[in-house]
Amino acid sequence: MTAGTIARRVAVVLAFGAAAFLASTGVAGAAEGAADNAFTADGSKYLAAGLAMGLGSIGPAIGIGMLGGRAMEALGRNPEAAGAIQTNMILAIAFAEAIGIYALVVAILIGFVF
């Protein structure tokens, strides 16, 4: 399975999940009472923040795990290059972790600002 196929499947699952979420919570256009809509909007906001953090941290977690595993394999094959391998591994992990921090910032913005 190629990366493009996986990306398409993930996009389809996320689209169906978002449609089901909007249909089940009544956010898509229901106008009951003002109090009910306030609770629905607050609940939707916090659920969206949780989904943003959860889905936004999956990629960096997988990337960091793969980086660590591949670095250990490289160290096992060539122990003399430990310095260069470790430096590049730490740099790549920092970049992957930055994406997770962006997801955290988006989740905080959704939860407390919007």
Protein backbone atom coordinates (compact mmCIF):
# COMPACT_ATOMS: atom_id res chain seq x y z
CA MET A 1 0.00 0.00 0.00
CA THR A 2 1.48 3.33 -1.03
CA ALA A 3 1.52 6.53 1.02
CA GLY A 4 -0.96 8.14 -1.39
CA THR A 5 -3.47 5.31 -0.89
CA ILE A 6 -3.15 5.55 2.86
CA ALA A 7 -3.58 9.34 2.75
CA ARG A 8 -6.74 9.02 0.64
CA ARG A 9 -8.22 6.45 3.00
CA VAL A 10 -7.46 8.61 6.02
CA ALA A 11 -9.04 11.62 4.31
CA VAL A 12 -12.20 9.65 3.52
CA VAL A 13 -12.47 8.34 7.09
CA LEU A 14 -11.98 11.85 8.51
CA ALA A 15 -14.58 13.31 6.14
CA PHE A 16 -17.17 10.68 7.10
CA GLY A 17 -16.33 11.15 10.77
CA ALA A 18 -16.78 14.91 10.55
CA ALA A 19 -20.09 14.50 8.70
CA ALA A 20 -21.37 12.02 11.27
CA PHE A 21 -20.27 14.28 14.11
CA LEU A 22 -22.02 17.33 12.69
CA ALA A 23 -25.17 15.35 11.94
CA SER A 24 -25.33 13.81 15.43
CA THR A 25 -24.71 16.98 17.45
CA GLY A 26 -27.10 19.23 15.59
CA VAL A 27 -24.42 21.78 14.77
CA ALA A 28 -25.19 21.51 11.06
CA GLY A 29 -28.27 23.72 11.29
CA ALA A 30 -30.55 22.76 14.17
CA ALA A 31 -32.15 25.67 16.02
CA GLU A 32 -33.74 24.30 19.20
CA GLY A 33 -33.41 26.40 22.32
CA ALA A 34 -30.66 28.89 23.06
CA ALA A 35 -29.43 26.93 26.10
CA ASP A 36 -29.35 23.67 24.17
CA ASN A 37 -27.36 25.26 21.36
CA ALA A 38 -24.89 26.78 23.85
CA PHE A 39 -24.25 23.39 25.42
CA THR A 40 -23.99 21.77 22.00
CA ALA A 41 -21.56 24.44 20.81
CA ASP A 42 -19.40 24.09 23.93
CA GLY A 43 -19.40 20.32 23.69
CA SER A 44 -18.54 20.47 20.00
CA LYS A 45 -15.73 22.91 20.69
CA TYR A 46 -14.10 20.69 23.29
CA LEU A 47 -14.58 17.58 21.18
CA ALA A 48 -12.94 19.37 18.25
CA ALA A 49 -10.02 20.38 20.49
CA GLY A 50 -9.58 16.78 21.60
CA LEU A 51 -9.73 15.50 18.03
CA ALA A 52 -7.23 18.12 16.88
CA MET A 53 -4.76 17.10 19.56
CA GLY A 54 -5.33 13.37 19.11
CA LEU A 55 -5.09 13.34 15.34
CA GLY A 56 -2.32 15.93 15.32
CA SER A 57 -0.11 13.85 17.56
CA ILE A 58 -0.42 10.56 15.67
CA GLY A 59 1.95 11.59 12.86
CA PRO A 60 4.74 12.92 15.10
CA ALA A 61 4.47 9.86 17.35
CA ILE A 62 4.88 7.48 14.42
CA GLY A 63 7.69 9.61 12.98
CA ILE A 64 9.62 9.76 16.24
CA GLY A 65 9.26 6.01 16.71
CA MET A 66 10.52 5.32 13.21
CA LEU A 67 13.42 7.77 13.64
CA GLY A 68 14.50 6.16 16.90
CA GLY A 69 14.27 2.65 15.49
CA ARG A 70 16.18 3.48 12.34
CA ALA A 71 18.84 5.33 14.34
CA MET A 72 19.35 2.25 16.55
CA GLU A 73 19.69 0.08 13.44
CA ALA A 74 22.24 2.49 11.99
CA LEU A 75 24.20 2.52 15.25
CA GLY A 76 24.20 -1.26 15.31
CA ARG A 77 25.60 -1.43 11.79
CA ASN A 78 28.14 1.38 12.13
CA PRO A 79 29.01 2.24 15.76
CA GLU A 80 31.84 4.56 14.68
CA ALA A 81 29.32 7.03 13.21
CA ALA A 82 27.43 7.42 16.50
CA GLY A 83 28.04 11.17 16.75
CA ALA A 84 26.70 12.03 13.31
CA ILE A 85 23.77 9.64 13.61
CA GLN A 86 22.77 10.96 17.02
CA THR A 87 23.00 14.59 15.91
CA ASN A 88 20.84 14.00 12.85
CA MET A 89 18.36 11.90 14.84
CA ILE A 90 17.89 14.57 17.51
CA LEU A 91 17.42 17.26 14.85
CA ALA A 92 14.81 15.20 12.98
CA ILE A 93 12.97 14.36 16.22
CA ALA A 94 12.86 18.07 17.09
CA PHE A 95 11.24 18.84 13.72
CA ALA A 96 8.69 16.05 14.19
CA GLU A 97 7.93 17.23 17.72
CA ALA A 98 7.32 20.77 16.43
CA ILE A 99 4.38 19.46 14.42
CA GLY A 100 2.93 17.95 17.59
CA ILE A 101 3.35 21.30 19.34
CA TYR A 102 1.47 23.00 16.49
CA ALA A 103 -1.39 20.56 17.07
CA LEU A 104 -1.33 21.41 20.78
CA VAL A 105 -1.51 25.13 20.01
CA VAL A 106 -4.46 24.58 17.67
CA ALA A 107 -6.24 22.48 20.31
CA ILE A 108 -5.71 25.17 22.95
CA LEU A 109 -6.98 27.86 20.56
CA ILE A 110 -10.09 25.82 19.75
CA GLY A 111 -10.77 25.06 23.40
CA PHE A 112 -10.25 28.46 24.96
CA VAL A 113 -10.44 31.15 22.28
CA PHE A 114 -13.07 30.16 19.75
